[in-house]
N, C-alpha and C. Protein backbone atom coordinates (compact mmCIF):
# COMPACT_ATOMS: atom_id res chain seq x y z
N MET A 1 -1.95 -1.42 22.29
CA MET A 1 -2.12 -2.68 22.58
C MET A 1 -1.34 -3.20 23.83
N LYS A 2 -2.06 -3.73 24.52
CA LYS A 2 -1.39 -4.16 25.96
C LYS A 2 -0.36 -5.03 25.95
N ASN A 3 -0.56 -5.98 24.95
CA ASN A 3 0.58 -7.06 24.99
C ASN A 3 1.59 -6.83 23.82
N SER A 4 2.13 -5.64 23.88
CA SER A 4 3.02 -5.45 22.55
C SER A 4 4.28 -6.16 22.62
N ARG A 5 4.54 -6.82 23.87
CA ARG A 5 5.73 -7.67 24.07
C ARG A 5 5.59 -9.00 23.09
N VAL A 6 4.42 -9.32 22.53
CA VAL A 6 4.07 -10.38 21.78
C VAL A 6 4.95 -10.27 20.55
N PHE A 7 5.23 -8.87 19.97
CA PHE A 7 5.81 -8.68 18.82
C PHE A 7 7.35 -8.57 19.22
N GLU A 8 7.93 -8.87 20.16
CA GLU A 8 9.34 -8.71 20.46
C GLU A 8 10.04 -10.05 20.26
N ILE A 9 11.24 -10.05 19.62
CA ILE A 9 12.02 -11.40 19.46
C ILE A 9 13.17 -11.10 20.43
N ALA A 10 13.36 -12.01 21.51
CA ALA A 10 14.62 -11.82 22.23
C ALA A 10 15.66 -12.60 21.48
N TRP A 11 16.43 -12.21 20.39
CA TRP A 11 17.13 -12.84 19.68
C TRP A 11 18.64 -13.40 20.27
N GLN A 12 19.17 -12.70 21.41
CA GLN A 12 20.43 -13.15 21.88
C GLN A 12 20.25 -14.40 22.55
N GLY A 13 19.01 -15.08 22.96
CA GLY A 13 19.01 -16.26 23.58
C GLY A 13 18.67 -17.36 22.49
N LEU A 14 18.48 -17.02 21.22
CA LEU A 14 17.82 -18.09 20.20
C LEU A 14 19.23 -18.83 19.64
N LYS A 15 19.02 -19.94 19.29
CA LYS A 15 20.16 -20.61 18.64
C LYS A 15 20.36 -20.19 17.10
N LEU A 16 21.46 -20.22 16.68
CA LEU A 16 21.51 -20.07 15.05
C LEU A 16 20.63 -20.88 14.31
N GLY A 17 20.23 -20.32 13.23
CA GLY A 17 19.30 -21.29 12.39
C GLY A 17 18.00 -20.65 12.11
N GLU A 18 17.11 -21.25 11.58
CA GLU A 18 15.80 -20.68 11.20
C GLU A 18 14.87 -20.95 12.32
N HIS A 19 14.07 -20.01 12.59
CA HIS A 19 12.86 -20.04 13.56
C HIS A 19 11.51 -19.50 12.79
N GLU A 20 10.35 -20.04 13.11
CA GLU A 20 9.03 -19.65 12.51
C GLU A 20 8.19 -19.23 13.52
N LEU A 21 7.61 -17.88 13.36
CA LEU A 21 6.79 -17.27 14.16
C LEU A 21 5.50 -16.93 13.47
N ILE A 22 4.39 -17.09 14.11
CA ILE A 22 3.09 -16.88 13.36
C ILE A 22 2.40 -15.88 14.34
N TYR A 23 1.77 -14.80 13.56
CA TYR A 23 1.06 -13.69 14.25
C TYR A 23 -0.25 -13.67 13.59
N ASP A 24 -1.40 -13.71 14.35
CA ASP A 24 -2.73 -13.60 13.94
C ASP A 24 -3.22 -12.29 14.26
N LEU A 25 -3.51 -11.45 13.32
CA LEU A 25 -3.72 -9.95 13.52
C LEU A 25 -5.22 -9.75 13.24
N ASP A 26 -5.66 -8.80 14.06
CA ASP A 26 -7.10 -8.35 13.99
C ASP A 26 -7.16 -6.81 14.03
N ASP A 27 -8.48 -6.34 14.36
CA ASP A 27 -8.60 -4.79 14.21
C ASP A 27 -7.94 -4.25 15.40
N LYS A 28 -7.73 -5.01 16.58
CA LYS A 28 -6.91 -4.36 17.47
C LYS A 28 -5.72 -3.91 17.34
N PHE A 29 -5.00 -4.70 16.56
CA PHE A 29 -3.74 -4.47 15.86
C PHE A 29 -3.69 -3.26 15.12
N LEU A 30 -4.61 -3.06 14.27
CA LEU A 30 -4.77 -1.85 13.31
C LEU A 30 -4.98 -0.76 14.14
N ILE A 31 -5.94 -0.64 15.05
CA ILE A 31 -6.17 0.57 16.05
C ILE A 31 -5.09 0.96 16.83
N TRP A 32 -4.21 -0.08 17.26
CA TRP A 32 -3.06 0.18 18.04
C TRP A 32 -1.98 0.97 17.15
N LYS A 33 -1.79 0.58 15.99
CA LYS A 33 -0.76 1.18 15.23
C LYS A 33 -1.32 2.29 14.39
N HIS A 34 -2.69 2.51 13.96
CA HIS A 34 -2.95 3.64 13.47
C HIS A 34 -4.61 3.85 13.73
N PRO A 35 -4.93 4.59 14.72
CA PRO A 35 -6.36 4.76 15.26
C PRO A 35 -7.17 5.27 14.30
N GLU A 36 -6.84 6.13 13.29
CA GLU A 36 -7.88 6.59 12.38
C GLU A 36 -8.03 5.82 11.08
N THR A 37 -7.79 4.61 11.06
CA THR A 37 -7.72 3.70 10.02
C THR A 37 -9.25 3.57 9.33
N GLU A 38 -9.21 3.42 8.11
CA GLU A 38 -10.67 3.33 7.34
C GLU A 38 -10.75 1.69 7.10
N TYR A 39 -9.94 0.92 7.51
CA TYR A 39 -10.10 -0.60 7.11
C TYR A 39 -10.72 -1.20 8.49
N LYS A 40 -11.49 -2.43 8.18
CA LYS A 40 -12.27 -2.94 9.22
C LYS A 40 -12.12 -4.45 9.10
N GLN A 41 -12.39 -5.12 10.17
CA GLN A 41 -12.57 -6.51 10.21
C GLN A 41 -11.22 -7.24 9.60
N LEU A 42 -9.94 -6.96 10.17
CA LEU A 42 -8.69 -7.46 9.69
C LEU A 42 -8.76 -8.82 10.26
N ASN A 43 -8.40 -9.84 9.29
CA ASN A 43 -8.31 -11.07 9.73
C ASN A 43 -7.12 -11.75 8.94
N VAL A 44 -5.88 -11.45 9.43
CA VAL A 44 -4.75 -11.70 8.77
C VAL A 44 -3.72 -12.66 9.63
N GLN A 45 -3.14 -13.62 9.09
CA GLN A 45 -2.22 -14.31 9.60
C GLN A 45 -0.79 -14.10 8.89
N ILE A 46 0.19 -13.61 9.69
CA ILE A 46 1.54 -13.31 9.06
C ILE A 46 2.53 -14.41 9.66
N LYS A 47 3.11 -15.06 8.86
CA LYS A 47 4.14 -16.15 9.17
C LYS A 47 5.43 -15.52 8.96
N VAL A 48 6.20 -15.52 9.97
CA VAL A 48 7.60 -14.80 9.77
C VAL A 48 8.75 -15.81 9.93
N SER A 49 9.52 -16.22 8.84
CA SER A 49 10.59 -16.85 9.01
C SER A 49 11.76 -16.11 9.50
N PHE A 50 12.43 -16.33 10.58
CA PHE A 50 13.56 -15.67 11.20
C PHE A 50 14.86 -16.54 11.27
N ASP A 51 15.64 -16.11 10.30
CA ASP A 51 17.03 -16.96 10.11
C ASP A 51 18.07 -16.31 10.89
N LYS A 52 18.48 -16.69 12.23
CA LYS A 52 19.64 -16.01 12.91
C LYS A 52 20.83 -16.48 12.45
N GLN A 53 21.72 -15.59 11.99
CA GLN A 53 22.97 -15.78 11.71
C GLN A 53 24.03 -15.24 12.58
N VAL A 54 25.45 -15.20 12.58
CA VAL A 54 26.30 -14.57 13.55
C VAL A 54 26.22 -13.01 13.40
N ASN A 55 26.13 -12.43 12.13
CA ASN A 55 26.26 -11.10 12.12
C ASN A 55 25.03 -10.39 11.30
N PHE A 56 24.00 -11.18 11.07
CA PHE A 56 22.92 -10.65 10.46
C PHE A 56 21.66 -11.53 10.78
N PHE A 57 20.46 -11.16 10.42
CA PHE A 57 19.17 -11.98 10.54
C PHE A 57 18.48 -11.76 9.20
N MET A 58 17.99 -12.89 8.63
CA MET A 58 17.08 -12.69 7.57
C MET A 58 15.64 -13.01 8.03
N PHE A 59 14.77 -12.11 7.61
CA PHE A 59 13.36 -12.18 7.80
C PHE A 59 12.58 -12.57 6.52
N HIS A 60 11.65 -13.33 6.49
CA HIS A 60 10.73 -13.47 5.39
C HIS A 60 9.25 -13.51 5.96
N PHE A 61 8.45 -12.36 5.41
CA PHE A 61 7.18 -12.24 5.98
C PHE A 61 6.10 -12.75 5.04
N ASN A 62 5.35 -13.59 5.28
CA ASN A 62 4.29 -14.13 4.48
C ASN A 62 2.90 -13.84 5.01
N ILE A 63 2.26 -12.90 4.26
CA ILE A 63 0.89 -12.38 4.63
C ILE A 63 -0.29 -13.03 4.01
N ASP A 64 -1.18 -13.54 4.67
CA ASP A 64 -2.43 -14.05 4.18
C ASP A 64 -3.57 -13.79 4.93
N GLY A 65 -4.76 -13.49 4.35
CA GLY A 65 -5.79 -13.15 4.94
C GLY A 65 -6.76 -12.10 4.15
N SER A 66 -7.62 -11.46 4.90
CA SER A 66 -8.50 -10.31 4.36
C SER A 66 -8.83 -9.30 5.46
N LEU A 67 -9.37 -8.19 4.88
CA LEU A 67 -9.87 -6.90 5.49
C LEU A 67 -11.13 -6.34 4.73
N ILE A 68 -11.84 -5.64 5.43
CA ILE A 68 -12.93 -4.88 4.72
C ILE A 68 -12.41 -3.44 4.41
N VAL A 69 -12.58 -3.03 3.26
CA VAL A 69 -12.15 -1.79 2.79
C VAL A 69 -13.13 -1.12 1.79
N PRO A 70 -13.16 0.29 1.83
CA PRO A 70 -14.25 0.84 1.00
C PRO A 70 -13.62 0.97 -0.47
N CYS A 71 -14.58 0.66 -1.26
CA CYS A 71 -14.31 0.65 -2.86
C CYS A 71 -14.12 2.03 -3.28
N ASP A 72 -13.02 2.21 -4.03
CA ASP A 72 -12.60 3.51 -4.59
C ASP A 72 -13.44 4.08 -5.66
N ARG A 73 -14.40 3.14 -6.23
CA ARG A 73 -15.03 3.50 -7.23
C ARG A 73 -16.62 3.90 -6.80
N CYS A 74 -17.19 2.95 -5.93
CA CYS A 74 -18.54 3.20 -5.68
C CYS A 74 -18.82 3.39 -4.18
N GLY A 75 -17.70 3.32 -3.53
CA GLY A 75 -17.76 3.84 -1.93
C GLY A 75 -18.27 2.78 -1.12
N GLU A 76 -18.70 1.70 -1.42
CA GLU A 76 -19.32 0.62 -0.59
C GLU A 76 -18.16 -0.33 -0.12
N ASN A 77 -18.29 -0.86 1.05
CA ASN A 77 -17.25 -1.67 1.52
C ASN A 77 -17.45 -2.98 0.94
N PHE A 78 -16.17 -3.78 0.90
CA PHE A 78 -16.09 -4.97 0.40
C PHE A 78 -14.85 -5.65 1.05
N GLU A 79 -14.99 -7.02 1.15
CA GLU A 79 -13.80 -7.82 1.51
C GLU A 79 -12.61 -8.06 0.58
N LEU A 80 -11.54 -7.70 0.88
CA LEU A 80 -10.36 -7.60 -0.02
C LEU A 80 -9.49 -8.75 0.51
N SER A 81 -9.12 -9.64 -0.36
CA SER A 81 -8.07 -10.68 0.00
C SER A 81 -6.60 -10.19 -0.07
N LEU A 82 -5.93 -10.53 1.00
CA LEU A 82 -4.51 -10.11 1.10
C LEU A 82 -3.51 -11.41 0.90
N TRP A 83 -2.65 -11.19 0.06
CA TRP A 83 -1.59 -12.26 -0.05
C TRP A 83 -0.31 -11.45 -0.50
N ASP A 84 0.77 -11.59 0.26
CA ASP A 84 2.01 -10.93 -0.22
C ASP A 84 3.12 -11.51 0.44
N GLU A 85 4.35 -11.42 0.10
CA GLU A 85 5.76 -11.99 0.70
C GLU A 85 6.60 -10.57 0.60
N PHE A 86 7.34 -10.67 1.78
CA PHE A 86 8.40 -9.63 1.86
C PHE A 86 9.75 -10.13 2.69
N ASP A 87 10.89 -9.81 2.17
CA ASP A 87 12.12 -10.04 2.81
C ASP A 87 12.65 -8.80 3.38
N LEU A 88 13.49 -9.07 4.59
CA LEU A 88 14.06 -7.94 5.15
C LEU A 88 15.31 -8.65 5.63
N LEU A 89 16.52 -7.84 5.64
CA LEU A 89 17.77 -8.26 6.14
C LEU A 89 18.09 -7.33 7.39
N VAL A 90 18.36 -7.80 8.49
CA VAL A 90 18.85 -6.99 9.53
C VAL A 90 20.36 -7.27 9.90
N LYS A 91 21.12 -6.30 9.81
CA LYS A 91 22.37 -6.52 10.08
C LYS A 91 23.01 -5.74 11.40
N LEU A 92 23.84 -6.64 12.15
CA LEU A 92 24.23 -6.17 13.35
C LEU A 92 25.70 -5.41 13.15
N ASN A 93 25.57 -4.22 13.95
CA ASN A 93 26.74 -3.36 13.82
C ASN A 93 27.18 -2.95 15.15
N ASP A 94 28.56 -2.57 15.34
CA ASP A 94 28.94 -1.97 16.61
C ASP A 94 28.49 -0.54 16.78
N ALA A 95 28.53 -0.12 17.95
CA ALA A 95 28.02 1.23 18.39
C ALA A 95 28.94 2.46 17.73
N GLU A 96 30.18 2.00 17.51
CA GLU A 96 31.21 3.08 16.88
C GLU A 96 30.95 3.12 15.38
N ASP A 97 30.30 2.41 14.56
CA ASP A 97 30.09 2.23 13.37
C ASP A 97 28.66 3.22 12.85
N GLU A 98 27.89 3.65 13.84
CA GLU A 98 26.66 4.21 13.47
C GLU A 98 26.83 5.26 12.54
N ASP A 99 27.75 6.17 12.73
CA ASP A 99 27.86 7.29 11.85
C ASP A 99 28.22 6.89 10.52
N GLN A 100 28.80 5.86 10.14
CA GLN A 100 29.33 5.50 8.87
C GLN A 100 28.28 4.39 7.97
N ILE A 101 27.33 4.22 8.72
CA ILE A 101 26.32 3.29 8.00
C ILE A 101 25.66 3.97 6.95
N GLU A 102 25.54 3.42 5.80
CA GLU A 102 24.94 3.89 4.73
C GLU A 102 23.51 3.29 4.57
N GLU A 103 22.55 4.10 4.32
CA GLU A 103 21.19 3.38 4.12
C GLU A 103 21.03 2.68 2.88
N GLU A 104 20.32 1.49 3.15
CA GLU A 104 20.19 0.43 2.05
C GLU A 104 18.64 0.01 1.99
N ALA A 105 18.04 -0.13 0.76
CA ALA A 105 16.58 -0.53 0.74
C ALA A 105 16.58 -1.99 1.33
N ASP A 106 15.63 -2.29 2.13
CA ASP A 106 15.31 -3.60 2.81
C ASP A 106 16.45 -4.15 3.62
N VAL A 107 17.27 -3.20 4.13
CA VAL A 107 18.30 -3.65 5.13
C VAL A 107 18.04 -2.71 6.35
N VAL A 108 18.04 -3.30 7.60
CA VAL A 108 18.00 -2.44 8.85
C VAL A 108 19.29 -2.79 9.75
N PHE A 109 19.86 -1.75 10.21
CA PHE A 109 20.90 -1.99 11.13
C PHE A 109 20.39 -1.85 12.51
N ILE A 110 20.94 -2.68 13.28
CA ILE A 110 20.79 -2.69 14.90
C ILE A 110 22.05 -2.79 15.53
N SER A 111 22.17 -2.13 16.81
CA SER A 111 23.39 -2.42 17.44
C SER A 111 23.40 -3.62 18.07
N ARG A 112 24.66 -4.17 18.29
CA ARG A 112 24.88 -5.44 18.95
C ARG A 112 24.50 -5.57 20.47
N SER A 113 24.30 -4.37 21.07
CA SER A 113 24.12 -4.26 22.37
C SER A 113 22.38 -4.42 22.69
N GLU A 114 21.66 -4.33 21.44
CA GLU A 114 20.20 -4.68 21.51
C GLU A 114 20.04 -5.93 21.99
N THR A 115 19.01 -6.23 22.79
CA THR A 115 18.86 -7.78 23.23
C THR A 115 17.49 -8.21 22.53
N VAL A 116 16.64 -7.25 22.29
CA VAL A 116 15.25 -7.56 22.04
C VAL A 116 15.03 -6.72 20.53
N LEU A 117 14.20 -7.31 19.74
CA LEU A 117 13.93 -6.71 18.51
C LEU A 117 12.52 -6.82 18.31
N ASP A 118 11.78 -5.45 18.31
CA ASP A 118 10.31 -5.28 18.19
C ASP A 118 10.00 -5.37 16.57
N ILE A 119 9.27 -6.31 16.18
CA ILE A 119 8.86 -6.23 14.85
C ILE A 119 7.47 -5.78 14.48
N SER A 120 6.74 -5.03 15.38
CA SER A 120 5.36 -4.68 15.20
C SER A 120 5.23 -3.69 14.07
N ASP A 121 6.39 -2.69 13.93
CA ASP A 121 6.31 -1.83 12.91
C ASP A 121 6.48 -2.40 11.69
N TRP A 122 7.34 -3.60 11.42
CA TRP A 122 7.50 -4.25 10.30
C TRP A 122 6.37 -4.93 9.80
N LEU A 123 5.60 -5.44 10.74
CA LEU A 123 4.34 -6.25 10.59
C LEU A 123 3.29 -5.26 9.92
N TYR A 124 3.07 -4.10 10.55
CA TYR A 124 2.22 -2.99 10.04
C TYR A 124 2.62 -2.44 8.78
N GLU A 125 3.88 -2.35 8.50
CA GLU A 125 4.30 -1.67 7.18
C GLU A 125 4.06 -2.65 6.16
N PHE A 126 4.44 -3.91 6.33
CA PHE A 126 4.10 -4.90 5.22
C PHE A 126 2.75 -5.27 5.03
N LEU A 127 2.06 -5.19 6.16
CA LEU A 127 0.53 -5.27 5.87
C LEU A 127 0.03 -4.09 5.12
N MET A 128 0.36 -2.97 5.31
CA MET A 128 -0.28 -1.80 4.51
C MET A 128 0.37 -1.95 3.10
N LEU A 129 1.63 -2.38 3.01
CA LEU A 129 2.08 -2.60 1.55
C LEU A 129 1.36 -3.76 0.77
N SER A 130 0.77 -4.64 1.43
CA SER A 130 -0.08 -5.70 0.74
C SER A 130 -1.45 -5.20 0.18
N ILE A 131 -1.62 -4.09 0.64
CA ILE A 131 -3.21 -3.66 0.27
C ILE A 131 -2.84 -2.81 -1.02
N PRO A 132 -3.59 -3.12 -2.13
CA PRO A 132 -3.32 -2.34 -3.22
C PRO A 132 -3.61 -0.90 -3.21
N LEU A 133 -3.25 -0.01 -4.14
CA LEU A 133 -3.39 1.35 -4.03
C LEU A 133 -4.89 1.65 -4.41
N GLN A 134 -5.30 1.00 -5.41
CA GLN A 134 -6.55 1.00 -6.01
C GLN A 134 -7.46 -0.15 -5.47
N LYS A 135 -8.42 0.14 -4.85
CA LYS A 135 -9.31 -0.74 -4.17
C LYS A 135 -10.65 -0.75 -4.91
N ILE A 136 -10.89 -1.60 -5.73
CA ILE A 136 -12.21 -1.70 -6.45
C ILE A 136 -12.75 -3.26 -6.31
N HIS A 137 -13.96 -3.30 -6.21
CA HIS A 137 -14.75 -4.54 -6.25
C HIS A 137 -14.36 -5.49 -7.26
N PRO A 138 -13.79 -6.69 -6.86
CA PRO A 138 -13.57 -7.65 -7.76
C PRO A 138 -14.77 -8.16 -8.79
N GLN A 139 -14.48 -8.48 -9.85
CA GLN A 139 -15.63 -8.99 -10.78
C GLN A 139 -16.01 -10.30 -10.65
N ASP A 140 -17.32 -10.74 -10.62
CA ASP A 140 -17.80 -11.86 -10.32
C ASP A 140 -17.20 -12.96 -11.37
N ALA A 141 -17.66 -14.25 -11.14
CA ALA A 141 -17.28 -15.30 -12.04
C ALA A 141 -17.36 -15.12 -13.56
N LYS A 142 -18.69 -14.49 -13.83
CA LYS A 142 -18.98 -14.14 -15.21
C LYS A 142 -18.33 -12.94 -15.78
N GLY A 143 -17.36 -12.20 -14.94
CA GLY A 143 -16.80 -11.11 -15.48
C GLY A 143 -17.57 -9.75 -15.34
N ASN A 144 -18.73 -9.85 -14.68
CA ASN A 144 -19.55 -8.51 -14.32
C ASN A 144 -19.04 -7.85 -13.22
N GLU A 145 -19.22 -6.56 -13.39
CA GLU A 145 -18.98 -5.64 -12.21
C GLU A 145 -19.66 -6.08 -10.90
N THR A 146 -19.17 -5.87 -9.86
CA THR A 146 -19.81 -6.06 -8.53
C THR A 146 -20.09 -4.89 -7.68
N CYS A 147 -19.65 -3.65 -8.35
CA CYS A 147 -19.83 -2.24 -7.69
C CYS A 147 -21.33 -2.02 -7.53
N ASN A 148 -21.72 -1.16 -6.72
CA ASN A 148 -23.21 -0.66 -6.68
C ASN A 148 -23.68 -0.12 -7.92
N LEU A 149 -24.61 -0.63 -8.73
CA LEU A 149 -24.94 -0.31 -10.00
C LEU A 149 -25.50 1.14 -10.20
N ASP A 150 -26.42 1.59 -8.99
CA ASP A 150 -26.93 2.73 -8.95
C ASP A 150 -25.80 3.94 -8.88
N VAL A 151 -24.84 3.48 -8.20
CA VAL A 151 -23.78 4.45 -7.86
C VAL A 151 -22.90 4.80 -9.34
N LEU A 152 -22.63 3.55 -9.94
CA LEU A 152 -21.93 3.55 -11.36
C LEU A 152 -22.79 4.29 -12.34
N THR A 153 -24.17 4.08 -12.33
CA THR A 153 -24.99 4.70 -13.26
C THR A 153 -24.87 6.35 -13.14
N PHE A 154 -25.02 6.75 -11.85
CA PHE A 154 -24.95 8.02 -11.29
C PHE A 154 -23.57 8.71 -11.90
N LEU A 155 -22.49 8.02 -11.52
CA LEU A 155 -21.13 8.47 -11.88
C LEU A 155 -21.05 8.71 -13.39
N GLU A 156 -21.68 7.85 -14.05
CA GLU A 156 -21.54 7.85 -15.59
C GLU A 156 -22.44 8.98 -16.15
N GLN A 157 -23.61 9.07 -15.54
CA GLN A 157 -24.50 10.21 -16.04
C GLN A 157 -23.85 11.59 -15.61
N SER A 158 -23.26 11.81 -14.45
CA SER A 158 -22.63 12.92 -14.05
C SER A 158 -21.47 13.23 -14.96
N ALA A 159 -20.51 12.36 -15.44
CA ALA A 159 -19.41 12.51 -16.26
C ALA A 159 -19.96 13.10 -17.65
N GLN A 160 -21.07 12.46 -18.05
CA GLN A 160 -21.56 12.82 -19.40
C GLN A 160 -22.12 14.30 -19.36
N ALA A 161 -22.66 14.49 -18.11
CA ALA A 161 -23.26 16.05 -18.09
C ALA A 161 -22.11 17.05 -17.95
N VAL A 162 -21.15 16.82 -17.32
CA VAL A 162 -20.00 17.69 -17.11
C VAL A 162 -19.29 17.77 -18.42
N GLU A 163 -19.20 16.60 -19.18
CA GLU A 163 -18.45 16.67 -20.51
C GLU A 163 -19.42 17.62 -21.38
N GLN A 164 -20.63 17.54 -21.63
CA GLN A 164 -21.41 18.24 -22.40
C GLN A 164 -21.44 19.52 -22.02
N GLN A 165 -21.48 19.98 -20.74
CA GLN A 165 -21.35 21.52 -20.33
C GLN A 165 -20.04 21.90 -20.72
N ASN A 166 -19.03 21.32 -20.64
CA ASN A 166 -17.68 21.74 -20.85
C ASN A 166 -17.71 22.04 -22.42
N LYS A 167 -18.16 21.19 -23.16
CA LYS A 167 -18.18 21.14 -24.59
C LYS A 167 -18.97 22.38 -25.17
N ASN A 168 -19.97 22.58 -24.46
CA ASN A 168 -20.96 23.78 -24.88
C ASN A 168 -20.27 25.12 -24.48
N SER A 169 -19.72 25.18 -23.22
CA SER A 169 -19.44 26.56 -22.78
C SER A 169 -18.06 27.03 -23.08
N ILE A 170 -17.08 26.10 -22.98
CA ILE A 170 -15.60 26.48 -23.12
C ILE A 170 -15.43 26.86 -24.58
N TRP A 171 -15.86 25.99 -25.66
CA TRP A 171 -15.62 26.24 -27.08
C TRP A 171 -16.28 27.20 -27.81
N LYS A 172 -17.45 27.55 -26.99
CA LYS A 172 -18.55 28.32 -27.73
C LYS A 172 -17.98 29.54 -28.48
N GLY A 173 -17.16 30.24 -27.71
CA GLY A 173 -16.57 31.58 -28.24
C GLY A 173 -15.52 31.28 -29.51
N LEU A 174 -15.04 30.04 -29.46
CA LEU A 174 -14.13 29.96 -30.68
C LEU A 174 -14.88 29.70 -31.99
N ASP A 175 -16.13 29.47 -31.93
CA ASP A 175 -16.98 29.47 -33.22
C ASP A 175 -16.79 30.76 -34.09
N SER A 176 -16.78 31.79 -33.40
CA SER A 176 -16.93 33.09 -34.06
C SER A 176 -15.35 33.54 -34.70
N ILE A 177 -14.31 32.82 -34.33
CA ILE A 177 -13.12 33.17 -34.76
C ILE A 177 -12.95 32.49 -36.15
N LYS A 178 -12.46 33.33 -37.17
CA LYS A 178 -12.37 32.81 -38.38
C LYS A 178 -10.91 32.71 -38.75
N ILE A 179 -10.49 31.64 -39.16
CA ILE A 179 -9.06 31.16 -39.57
C ILE A 179 -8.85 31.47 -40.96
N GLU A 180 -7.78 32.27 -41.08
CA GLU A 180 -7.42 32.73 -42.47
C GLU A 180 -6.75 31.39 -43.24
N ASP A 181 -6.78 31.52 -44.47
CA ASP A 181 -6.25 30.63 -45.22
C ASP A 181 -4.69 30.61 -45.14
N ASN A 182 -4.02 29.42 -45.26
CA ASN A 182 -2.39 29.41 -45.20
C ASN A 182 -1.89 30.11 -46.34
N LYS A 183 -2.55 30.35 -47.50
CA LYS A 183 -1.78 30.93 -48.59
C LYS A 183 -1.75 32.58 -48.18
N LYS A 184 -2.70 32.94 -47.77
CA LYS A 184 -2.56 34.36 -47.28
C LYS A 184 -1.61 34.78 -46.29
N ASN A 185 -1.34 33.80 -45.34
CA ASN A 185 -0.43 33.97 -44.36
C ASN A 185 0.95 33.78 -44.95
N ASN A 186 1.13 32.95 -45.82
CA ASN A 186 2.36 32.85 -46.44
C ASN A 186 2.79 34.14 -47.48
N LYS A 187 1.81 34.82 -48.07
CA LYS A 187 2.03 35.90 -48.70
C LYS A 187 2.46 37.01 -47.86
N ARG A 188 1.91 37.17 -46.65
CA ARG A 188 2.28 38.23 -45.59
C ARG A 188 3.69 38.04 -45.11
N SER A 189 4.09 36.70 -44.83
CA SER A 189 5.50 36.56 -44.23
C SER A 189 6.61 36.86 -45.28
N LYS A 190 6.45 36.64 -46.68
CA LYS A 190 7.32 36.91 -47.59
C LYS A 190 7.54 38.41 -47.94
N ASN A 191 6.52 39.37 -47.48
CA ASN A 191 6.63 40.66 -47.71
C ASN A 191 7.42 41.45 -46.53
């Protein structure tokens, strides 16, 4: 993406307190961050609240929008609504302390000598985290499935055929095995 500076915050020139930034993201952003993406028609707005303090920054990312994703069940594309919120704490540290810093979840450490903070990676990361692991067509207002019925029917028939085939072939040889009565086994173990 040519204008990657759009995602940089020159924090040293900002006053203490809360600042709000708004990013409208589209397919160009996705392709810039991950060229082999399967997602299309990204239309997301991320509101970033940036609270600058003396020794740390608090970020709050509010994601709202949609994108086109393939359904994990039927394979057809559908529009998935996105909404999520994430918080991130950025702590300032001195260059001498870098070896002693312990990793913490949702905490990032940057050097006081840094003058610009690039948040494009965080925007991409939180955008990807807002997409559910299982992407399936939502149900309609009446509670009916909206997946492709032809595909669902085919999948159900295939599953039944495989189950029937496994039922017939795997256990077929077990029918010929005769199980002895427990009383006979107990007599043998006493001897």
